[in-house]
Amino acid sequence: MKKYLSFFSAVLLVFTSCATSRHASSSRDLNPNEVFTVTDEDIARETLQINHALKGEWKYNGPAVDVSGKNLLAGVGKPIAKGKLKKKLKNAFKKIGLDKARPQFTFNDDGTCTIRLLGVNLNGQYNYNPDTEKIALKWHGVPLNASLKRDGKKKLRLTFEADKLLRLLSLASRVSDSSALKALGTLLDNYEDIMVGFELKQ
C-alpha cells in the first residue's frame, strides 16, 4: 500500500511541476507590458486607416437633419416632421446661396481638410471616431464638433448643433448679418435637440 502511495505521490509531483512550469511560461508569454503596449506608430497607422475611408472630395447633395435628443422629431411624427424641416432648410440654404455655391469638403489622409463654402476656402484639421460617429473639426483655429455618419459607401451626413452650423456659415459668409442668415437662425430656434447640416456624396 505504501508503494502505491509513493508512486501516486511521485506522479502528482511531476504533474504539479509541469503545471507550474506551464503557468510560469504562460505568464511570461502574456506579459501585459509587452502584449498591451500601444506605440505612436500603432496610433498613427490606425488613424491613417480611418482617414483613408473618408479620403476624397465630398460634394453637397442637400440638407441633412438628425435628432440629438427627445423632442417632437423623435415622436410618432418623426418622418413627417423631419421631412418638413428638411424642406424649410433647403429653402433657407437656397436663399443663403448654397444651391449655387455648393459646399465641398475634402478630407486627406494626414488629418487635414478643406471646405469650400459660399465661395470661400477654409483649411483645417479633423479627427474622426467611427465608433461614436463624431468628428472634431478645426478651421482657422475655430473648433467645431459634429456628427458624421456614413450612408453607404458614397454618401455622408455631416450635421452640427444649430448654433455650430450658424457659426460655420458665418466663418465663410459675407452675408453674416443678412436677413437670410437671420431667418435661418430663427427657423432653427424653433426646434430643440436637432442636428442640421449637409448630405454629401462623392
Protein backbone atom coordinates (compact mmCIF):
# COMPACT_ATOMS: atom_id res chain seq x y z
CA MET A 1 0.00 0.00 0.00
CA LYS A 2 2.84 2.34 0.85
CA LYS A 3 4.42 1.58 -2.54
CA TYR A 4 1.22 2.65 -4.33
CA LEU A 5 1.03 5.84 -2.28
CA SER A 6 4.66 6.65 -3.04
CA PHE A 7 4.09 6.07 -6.75
CA PHE A 8 0.95 8.24 -6.72
CA SER A 9 2.79 11.00 -4.86
CA ALA A 10 5.61 10.93 -7.41
CA VAL A 11 3.18 11.19 -10.34
CA LEU A 12 1.33 14.07 -8.64
CA LEU A 13 4.60 15.89 -8.08
CA VAL A 14 5.51 15.57 -11.77
CA PHE A 15 2.11 16.97 -12.90
CA THR A 16 2.34 19.79 -10.40
CA SER A 17 5.81 20.72 -11.65
CA CYS A 18 4.63 20.68 -15.28
CA ALA A 19 1.59 22.80 -14.48
CA THR A 20 3.73 25.30 -12.58
CA SER A 21 6.18 25.40 -15.46
CA ARG A 22 3.40 25.95 -17.99
CA HIS A 23 1.85 28.68 -15.81
CA ALA A 24 5.19 30.44 -15.50
CA SER A 25 5.71 30.17 -19.23
CA SER A 26 2.20 31.49 -19.92
CA SER A 27 2.77 34.35 -17.52
CA ARG A 28 5.88 35.28 -19.42
CA ASP A 29 4.06 35.00 -22.74
CA LEU A 30 1.19 37.22 -21.53
CA ASN A 31 3.31 39.94 -20.02
CA PRO A 32 0.93 42.95 -20.17
CA ASN A 33 3.84 45.33 -20.61
CA GLU A 34 4.65 43.55 -23.85
CA VAL A 35 1.23 42.50 -25.14
CA PHE A 36 -0.77 45.67 -24.50
CA THR A 37 1.80 48.32 -25.31
CA VAL A 38 0.42 50.83 -27.84
CA THR A 39 3.07 52.82 -29.63
CA ASP A 40 2.83 56.11 -31.50
CA GLU A 41 3.33 54.12 -34.69
CA ASP A 42 0.29 51.96 -33.87
CA ILE A 43 -1.88 55.05 -33.32
CA ALA A 44 -0.60 56.69 -36.49
CA ARG A 45 -1.27 53.53 -38.52
CA GLU A 46 -4.84 53.17 -37.22
CA THR A 47 -5.56 56.88 -37.75
CA LEU A 48 -4.31 56.59 -41.32
CA GLN A 49 -6.66 53.66 -41.97
CA ILE A 50 -9.64 55.57 -40.52
CA ASN A 51 -8.82 58.72 -42.51
CA HIS A 52 -8.38 56.73 -45.70
CA ALA A 53 -12.05 55.71 -45.53
CA LEU A 54 -13.02 59.41 -45.69
CA LYS A 55 -10.37 60.45 -48.18
CA GLY A 56 -11.58 62.38 -51.20
CA GLU A 57 -13.94 65.15 -52.24
CA TRP A 58 -17.48 65.13 -50.89
CA LYS A 59 -19.99 67.46 -52.53
CA TYR A 60 -23.22 68.94 -51.22
CA ASN A 61 -26.27 66.90 -52.15
CA GLY A 62 -28.89 68.56 -49.95
CA PRO A 63 -29.66 69.39 -46.31
CA ALA A 64 -29.42 66.76 -43.57
CA VAL A 65 -31.37 66.55 -40.32
CA ASP A 66 -30.71 64.29 -37.33
CA VAL A 67 -32.16 64.13 -33.83
CA SER A 68 -29.81 64.62 -30.89
CA GLY A 69 -32.40 64.32 -28.12
CA LYS A 70 -36.06 63.74 -27.33
CA ASN A 71 -38.43 66.19 -28.97
CA LEU A 72 -41.25 66.24 -31.49
CA LEU A 73 -38.91 64.81 -34.15
CA ALA A 74 -38.37 61.72 -32.01
CA GLY A 75 -42.11 61.02 -31.67
CA VAL A 76 -44.62 59.32 -33.91
CA GLY A 77 -44.46 62.15 -36.43
CA LYS A 78 -40.69 61.96 -36.78
CA PRO A 79 -40.54 61.18 -40.54
CA ILE A 80 -43.10 63.88 -41.38
CA ALA A 81 -41.50 66.47 -39.08
CA LYS A 82 -38.03 65.72 -40.42
CA GLY A 83 -39.30 65.98 -43.98
CA LYS A 84 -40.91 69.36 -43.31
CA LEU A 85 -37.78 70.69 -41.61
CA LYS A 86 -35.57 69.47 -44.46
CA LYS A 87 -37.82 71.28 -46.93
CA LYS A 88 -37.63 74.51 -44.91
CA LEU A 89 -33.90 74.06 -44.51
CA LYS A 90 -33.47 73.56 -48.26
CA ASN A 91 -35.28 76.84 -48.96
CA ALA A 92 -33.20 78.64 -46.32
CA PHE A 93 -29.97 77.23 -47.79
CA LYS A 94 -31.11 78.36 -51.22
CA LYS A 95 -31.66 81.94 -50.00
CA ILE A 96 -28.18 81.97 -48.49
CA GLY A 97 -26.73 80.80 -51.79
CA LEU A 98 -25.76 77.19 -51.09
CA ASP A 99 -27.60 75.92 -54.16
CA LYS A 100 -25.26 77.90 -56.43
CA ALA A 101 -22.03 77.78 -54.40
CA ARG A 102 -22.45 74.19 -53.30
CA PRO A 103 -20.34 73.21 -50.26
CA GLN A 104 -17.49 70.82 -50.91
CA PHE A 105 -15.49 69.01 -48.24
CA THR A 106 -12.09 67.46 -48.96
CA PHE A 107 -10.61 65.06 -46.40
CA ASN A 108 -6.97 63.98 -46.61
CA ASP A 109 -5.12 61.00 -45.11
CA ASP A 110 -2.95 63.23 -42.93
CA GLY A 111 -5.89 64.65 -40.96
CA THR A 112 -6.11 67.93 -42.87
CA CYS A 113 -9.27 69.05 -44.62
CA THR A 114 -10.61 71.85 -46.77
CA ILE A 115 -14.15 73.11 -47.09
CA ARG A 116 -15.32 75.33 -49.90
CA LEU A 117 -18.33 77.18 -48.54
CA LEU A 118 -20.09 80.15 -50.16
CA GLY A 119 -17.11 80.69 -52.45
CA VAL A 120 -14.56 80.71 -49.60
CA ASN A 121 -11.93 78.04 -48.92
CA LEU A 122 -11.37 77.17 -45.25
CA ASN A 123 -8.35 74.99 -44.43
CA GLY A 124 -8.27 72.99 -41.22
CA GLN A 125 -7.81 69.69 -39.42
CA TYR A 126 -10.13 66.88 -38.40
CA ASN A 127 -10.19 63.92 -36.02
CA TYR A 128 -12.82 61.26 -36.75
CA ASN A 129 -14.02 58.48 -34.45
CA PRO A 130 -16.02 55.91 -36.45
CA ASP A 131 -17.20 54.13 -33.28
CA THR A 132 -19.02 57.21 -31.95
CA GLU A 133 -19.61 58.74 -35.40
CA LYS A 134 -18.23 62.02 -34.08
CA ILE A 135 -15.79 64.31 -35.85
CA ALA A 136 -13.81 67.16 -34.32
CA LEU A 137 -13.09 69.89 -36.86
CA LYS A 138 -10.98 72.99 -36.60
CA TRP A 139 -10.90 75.74 -39.22
CA HIS A 140 -8.66 78.76 -38.77
CA GLY A 141 -8.34 77.92 -35.09
CA VAL A 142 -12.11 77.67 -34.56
CA PRO A 143 -13.16 74.23 -33.18
CA LEU A 144 -16.45 72.74 -34.35
CA ASN A 145 -17.68 69.32 -33.22
CA ALA A 146 -20.10 67.49 -35.47
CA SER A 147 -21.73 64.15 -36.22
CA LEU A 148 -20.51 62.26 -39.28
CA LYS A 149 -22.49 59.22 -40.42
CA ARG A 150 -21.91 57.09 -43.46
CA ASP A 151 -24.86 56.34 -45.71
CA GLY A 152 -23.46 53.61 -47.88
CA LYS A 153 -20.04 53.95 -49.48
CA LYS A 154 -20.63 57.14 -51.42
CA LYS A 155 -22.69 59.29 -49.03
CA LEU A 156 -22.08 61.06 -45.73
CA ARG A 157 -24.31 63.03 -43.38
CA LEU A 158 -22.39 65.81 -41.67
CA THR A 159 -24.58 67.51 -39.07
CA PHE A 160 -23.97 70.15 -36.39
CA GLU A 161 -25.85 71.60 -33.48
CA ALA A 162 -27.81 74.56 -34.85
CA ASP A 163 -25.57 77.25 -33.34
CA LYS A 164 -22.46 75.47 -34.61
CA LEU A 165 -23.83 75.39 -38.17
CA LEU A 166 -24.60 79.11 -38.00
CA ARG A 167 -21.09 79.71 -36.72
CA LEU A 168 -19.63 77.75 -39.64
CA LEU A 169 -21.71 79.68 -42.17
CA SER A 170 -20.67 82.94 -40.53
CA LEU A 171 -16.99 81.97 -40.88
CA ALA A 172 -17.29 81.82 -44.66
CA SER A 173 -20.18 84.13 -45.35
CA ARG A 174 -20.05 87.78 -46.25
CA VAL A 175 -23.77 87.92 -45.52
CA SER A 176 -23.47 87.01 -41.84
CA ASP A 177 -25.71 89.98 -40.98
CA SER A 178 -28.13 89.37 -43.81
CA SER A 179 -31.81 88.70 -43.36
CA ALA A 180 -31.36 85.24 -44.92
CA LEU A 181 -28.91 84.07 -42.27
CA LYS A 182 -31.01 85.62 -39.53
CA ALA A 183 -34.07 83.84 -40.92
CA LEU A 184 -32.18 80.54 -40.80
CA GLY A 185 -31.30 81.22 -37.17
CA THR A 186 -34.94 81.97 -36.37
CA LEU A 187 -36.05 78.76 -38.10
CA LEU A 188 -33.60 76.62 -36.13
CA ASP A 189 -34.57 78.30 -32.85
CA ASN A 190 -37.98 76.70 -33.20
CA TYR A 191 -36.51 73.19 -32.95
CA GLU A 192 -34.72 71.73 -29.94
CA ASP A 193 -32.21 68.89 -29.82
CA ILE A 194 -31.65 68.70 -33.57
CA MET A 195 -28.52 68.35 -35.67
CA VAL A 196 -28.57 70.08 -39.06
CA GLY A 197 -26.08 70.18 -41.86
CA PHE A 198 -25.25 68.63 -45.19
CA GLU A 199 -25.76 65.40 -47.05
CA LEU A 200 -22.57 64.84 -49.02
CA LYS A 201 -21.75 62.46 -51.86
CA GLN A 202 -18.67 61.56 -53.89
